């Protein structure tokens, strides 16, 4: 009986993911898109344009980490940086979707972080995230997980209780992938209510439900790169 219910759940998950392109077409409003087909006014300085900003000024001593090259956004963390590269763009939705093309090498990762900096109960407004590597897609509820200020305080004080470990474990889920290094892939993340769904190259990967994902206002997306990544054809939709 348990196997039957697991099979039904898998079918429903795949069906929901497979229907996401149709959902965006029927109920989505495109908020913005960027194909990075432009030149920087100052090639030796970071000037992304298109409404994008980054943390290079205060995290990388002003060193250029984002380069517009060959019609894409090339991101490389510099040795001077004390934090991963974060690239910001304002948005405004509760339910919505982000689609982008990405290229990773071995050991690279790319996160799409949904943020509300007006929310003061979490670190830097982090709400939820989808993070992709060549080996997996991880979905996280940051708001009620690791970015909650009370939870961060407990961890900073060395809390290693089984209760806290179980709570943090419940706030994330990873789905295995086998992606090819150096090849362009397409990531689609859809948020509806308390659920995040992910697809790679048009194929459903999985979904994760947690109450922090349902935060009513996503005010910003952040593209997070710890090492390097290439990004292109970013699209963001609001769902009715």
Protein backbone atom coordinates (compact mmCIF):
# COMPACT_ATOMS: atom_id res chain seq x y z
CA UNK A 1 0.00 0.00 0.00
CA UNK A 2 2.85 2.39 0.86
CA UNK A 3 4.42 1.79 -2.56
CA UNK A 4 1.09 2.57 -4.20
CA UNK A 5 0.80 5.94 -2.46
CA UNK A 6 4.42 6.78 -3.28
CA UNK A 7 3.77 5.98 -6.94
CA UNK A 8 0.67 8.18 -6.97
CA UNK A 9 2.62 11.02 -5.32
CA UNK A 10 5.37 10.71 -7.92
CA UNK A 11 2.88 10.85 -10.78
CA UNK A 12 1.17 13.91 -9.32
CA UNK A 13 4.51 15.67 -8.80
CA UNK A 14 5.66 14.98 -12.35
CA UNK A 15 2.28 16.06 -13.74
CA UNK A 16 2.40 19.35 -11.81
CA UNK A 17 5.91 20.12 -13.04
CA UNK A 18 5.10 19.17 -16.61
CA UNK A 19 2.14 21.56 -16.59
CA UNK A 20 4.18 24.57 -15.47
CA UNK A 21 4.93 25.98 -18.96
CA UNK A 22 1.19 25.90 -19.72
CA UNK A 23 0.49 27.52 -16.35
CA UNK A 24 2.87 30.37 -17.12
CA UNK A 25 1.31 30.88 -20.53
CA UNK A 26 -2.23 30.93 -19.13
CA UNK A 27 -1.76 32.73 -15.81
CA UNK A 28 1.68 34.30 -15.86
CA UNK A 29 2.54 37.97 -16.29
CA UNK A 30 6.10 38.51 -17.48
CA UNK A 31 7.71 41.01 -15.10
CA UNK A 32 11.04 41.25 -16.87
CA UNK A 33 13.48 39.40 -19.08
CA UNK A 34 17.13 39.88 -19.97
CA UNK A 35 19.23 38.21 -22.66
CA UNK A 36 22.35 40.31 -21.88
CA UNK A 37 22.83 41.29 -25.52
CA UNK A 38 24.65 44.52 -24.71
CA UNK A 39 28.09 45.91 -24.05
CA UNK A 40 29.34 47.42 -20.83
CA UNK A 41 30.12 51.15 -21.00
CA UNK A 42 33.31 50.58 -19.00
CA UNK A 43 34.82 47.17 -19.86
CA UNK A 44 37.24 47.19 -16.92
CA UNK A 45 34.48 47.98 -14.39
CA UNK A 46 31.37 46.10 -13.33
CA UNK A 47 28.34 47.69 -15.01
CA UNK A 48 25.69 45.01 -15.56
CA UNK A 49 22.78 47.26 -16.53
CA UNK A 50 19.24 46.05 -17.02
CA UNK A 51 18.32 46.83 -13.41
CA UNK A 52 20.91 44.42 -11.98
CA UNK A 53 23.30 45.24 -9.15
CA UNK A 54 25.80 43.11 -7.24
CA UNK A 55 27.65 42.89 -3.93
CA UNK A 56 31.08 43.30 -5.53
CA UNK A 57 31.52 46.85 -4.20
CA UNK A 58 31.46 45.81 -0.53
CA UNK A 59 32.25 42.07 -0.70
CA UNK A 60 35.03 42.05 -3.29
CA UNK A 61 36.70 45.43 -2.63
CA UNK A 62 35.15 46.77 -5.81
CA UNK A 63 36.77 44.14 -8.03
CA UNK A 64 34.81 43.16 -11.13
CA UNK A 65 33.08 39.78 -10.71
CA UNK A 66 30.29 40.05 -13.29
CA UNK A 67 31.19 40.42 -16.95
CA UNK A 68 28.90 40.73 -19.98
CA UNK A 69 30.59 38.54 -22.56
CA UNK A 70 29.40 36.66 -25.66
CA UNK A 71 25.79 37.66 -24.97
CA UNK A 72 25.70 36.19 -21.47
CA UNK A 73 26.50 37.12 -17.88
CA UNK A 74 29.79 35.54 -16.82
CA UNK A 75 30.23 35.41 -13.05
CA UNK A 76 33.56 34.68 -11.36
CA UNK A 77 34.32 35.14 -7.69
CA UNK A 78 37.64 36.92 -7.22
CA UNK A 79 40.22 35.93 -4.56
CA UNK A 80 39.64 39.22 -2.72
CA UNK A 81 35.97 38.42 -2.07
CA UNK A 82 34.90 37.46 1.46
CA UNK A 83 31.50 36.19 0.26
CA UNK A 84 30.00 34.52 -2.78
CA UNK A 85 28.87 36.72 -5.67
CA UNK A 86 25.29 37.97 -5.26
CA UNK A 87 23.50 39.65 -8.18
CA UNK A 88 20.23 41.42 -7.37
CA UNK A 89 17.11 42.40 -9.30
CA UNK A 90 13.90 43.84 -7.84
CA UNK A 91 10.66 41.92 -8.37
CA UNK A 92 7.23 41.91 -6.72
CA UNK A 93 5.10 38.79 -6.45
CA UNK A 94 3.78 36.17 -4.05
CA UNK A 95 3.44 33.36 -6.56
CA UNK A 96 5.72 33.40 -9.57
CA UNK A 97 8.48 31.77 -11.56
CA UNK A 98 12.08 32.27 -12.63
CA UNK A 99 13.58 30.70 -15.71
CA UNK A 100 17.17 31.03 -16.87
CA UNK A 101 19.88 29.33 -18.86
CA UNK A 102 23.03 28.39 -16.98
CA UNK A 103 26.42 26.85 -17.56
CA UNK A 104 28.46 25.31 -14.74
CA UNK A 105 31.83 23.64 -14.36
CA UNK A 106 32.88 20.95 -11.90
CA UNK A 107 32.36 22.23 -8.37
CA UNK A 108 30.27 25.21 -9.46
CA UNK A 109 26.81 26.08 -8.19
CA UNK A 110 24.10 28.64 -8.89
CA UNK A 111 21.38 29.71 -6.50
CA UNK A 112 18.15 31.58 -7.23
CA UNK A 113 17.27 33.23 -3.94
CA UNK A 114 13.89 34.85 -3.25
CA UNK A 115 14.22 37.80 -0.86
CA UNK A 116 12.20 40.31 1.16
CA UNK A 117 14.58 42.76 2.81
CA UNK A 118 11.69 44.42 4.61
CA UNK A 119 11.25 41.23 6.65
CA UNK A 120 13.34 41.71 9.79
CA UNK A 121 12.95 38.27 11.37
CA UNK A 122 15.39 36.64 8.93
CA UNK A 123 18.97 37.37 7.94
CA UNK A 124 19.14 39.72 4.92
CA UNK A 125 15.54 38.94 4.03
CA UNK A 126 16.26 35.42 2.73
CA UNK A 127 12.98 33.54 2.14
CA UNK A 128 13.62 30.48 0.00
CA UNK A 129 16.03 29.28 -2.65
CA UNK A 130 16.63 26.81 -5.44
CA UNK A 131 20.32 25.92 -5.86
CA UNK A 132 21.62 23.83 -8.75
CA UNK A 133 24.89 21.97 -9.23
CA UNK A 134 25.87 19.36 -11.80
CA UNK A 135 24.79 16.71 -9.29
CA UNK A 136 21.57 18.04 -7.82
CA UNK A 137 18.86 20.65 -7.34
CA UNK A 138 18.34 21.71 -3.73
CA UNK A 139 15.28 23.62 -2.52
CA UNK A 140 15.38 25.43 0.81
CA UNK A 141 12.95 27.21 3.09
CA UNK A 142 15.28 29.85 4.52
CA UNK A 143 12.62 31.92 6.28
CA UNK A 144 11.69 29.24 8.82
CA UNK A 145 15.02 27.45 8.54
CA UNK A 146 18.64 28.48 8.65
CA UNK A 147 18.09 32.20 8.02
CA UNK A 148 15.60 32.71 10.85
CA UNK A 149 17.40 35.02 13.29
CA UNK A 150 16.50 32.96 16.36
CA UNK A 151 17.75 29.79 14.70
CA UNK A 152 20.94 31.53 13.57
CA UNK A 153 21.53 32.68 17.15
CA UNK A 154 21.13 29.14 18.44
CA UNK A 155 23.60 27.84 15.89
CA UNK A 156 26.10 30.61 16.62
CA UNK A 157 25.92 29.63 20.30
CA UNK A 158 26.80 26.06 19.35
CA UNK A 159 23.37 24.44 19.62
CA UNK A 160 23.79 20.92 18.22
CA UNK A 161 20.59 19.46 19.63
CA UNK A 162 18.80 16.69 17.71
CA UNK A 163 15.67 18.85 17.73
CA UNK A 164 17.37 21.71 15.89
CA UNK A 165 19.12 19.34 13.48
CA UNK A 166 15.79 17.70 12.63
CA UNK A 167 14.15 21.08 12.12
CA UNK A 168 16.86 22.26 9.72
CA UNK A 169 16.77 18.96 7.84
CA UNK A 170 13.02 19.37 7.31
CA UNK A 171 13.60 22.76 5.66
CA UNK A 172 15.54 21.47 2.66
CA UNK A 173 15.35 18.79 0.01
CA UNK A 174 17.78 17.75 -2.71
CA UNK A 175 16.93 16.02 -5.98
CA UNK A 176 19.77 14.22 -7.79
CA UNK A 177 20.91 15.33 -11.25
CA UNK A 178 23.54 14.29 -13.76
CA UNK A 179 24.32 17.40 -15.78
CA UNK A 180 27.17 17.89 -18.21
CA UNK A 181 29.86 20.41 -17.27
CA UNK A 182 30.32 23.29 -19.70
CA UNK A 183 26.95 22.71 -21.38
CA UNK A 184 24.04 25.15 -21.34
CA UNK A 185 21.00 23.99 -19.36
CA UNK A 186 17.66 25.63 -18.58
CA UNK A 187 16.33 25.93 -15.02
CA UNK A 188 12.70 26.72 -14.21
CA UNK A 189 11.59 27.36 -10.63
CA UNK A 190 7.89 27.91 -9.91
CA UNK A 191 6.46 29.03 -6.57
CA UNK A 192 2.79 28.49 -5.78
CA UNK A 193 1.64 28.86 -2.20
CA UNK A 194 4.04 26.95 0.05
CA UNK A 195 5.43 24.83 -2.79
CA UNK A 196 8.47 25.26 -5.03
CA UNK A 197 8.75 23.15 -8.18
CA UNK A 198 11.83 22.71 -10.32
CA UNK A 199 12.52 21.60 -13.88
CA UNK A 200 15.77 21.24 -15.83
CA UNK A 201 15.80 21.36 -19.62
CA UNK A 202 12.02 21.01 -19.65
CA UNK A 203 12.04 17.85 -17.52
CA UNK A 204 10.49 17.82 -14.02
CA UNK A 205 13.00 17.35 -11.22
CA UNK A 206 10.86 17.61 -8.09
CA UNK A 207 8.98 19.82 -5.68
CA UNK A 208 9.28 20.85 -2.05
CA UNK A 209 6.65 22.27 0.30
CA UNK A 210 7.40 24.31 3.42
CA UNK A 211 5.54 27.18 5.03
CA UNK A 212 8.28 29.81 4.55
CA UNK A 213 7.97 29.49 0.78
CA UNK A 214 4.47 30.99 1.04
CA UNK A 215 5.77 34.35 2.30
CA UNK A 216 3.38 36.90 0.73
CA UNK A 217 5.92 39.23 -0.87
CA UNK A 218 9.02 38.29 -2.80
CA UNK A 219 10.59 41.70 -3.44
CA UNK A 220 13.86 40.63 -5.03
CA UNK A 221 15.64 37.74 -6.67
CA UNK A 222 19.32 37.15 -6.03
CA UNK A 223 21.51 35.02 -8.27
CA UNK A 224 24.10 33.51 -5.96
CA UNK A 225 27.41 32.11 -7.22
CA UNK A 226 30.06 30.72 -4.90
CA UNK A 227 32.71 30.01 -7.56
CA UNK A 228 31.73 30.66 -11.17
CA UNK A 229 28.77 30.36 -13.55
CA UNK A 230 27.45 31.67 -16.84
CA UNK A 231 23.84 32.92 -16.94
CA UNK A 232 21.61 33.91 -19.83
CA UNK A 233 17.98 34.48 -20.87
CA UNK A 234 16.56 35.29 -17.44
CA UNK A 235 12.78 35.58 -17.26
CA UNK A 236 10.61 36.30 -14.21
CA UNK A 237 6.82 35.91 -14.11
CA UNK A 238 4.12 36.78 -11.63
CA UNK A 239 1.32 34.24 -11.32
CA UNK A 240 -2.28 35.36 -10.89
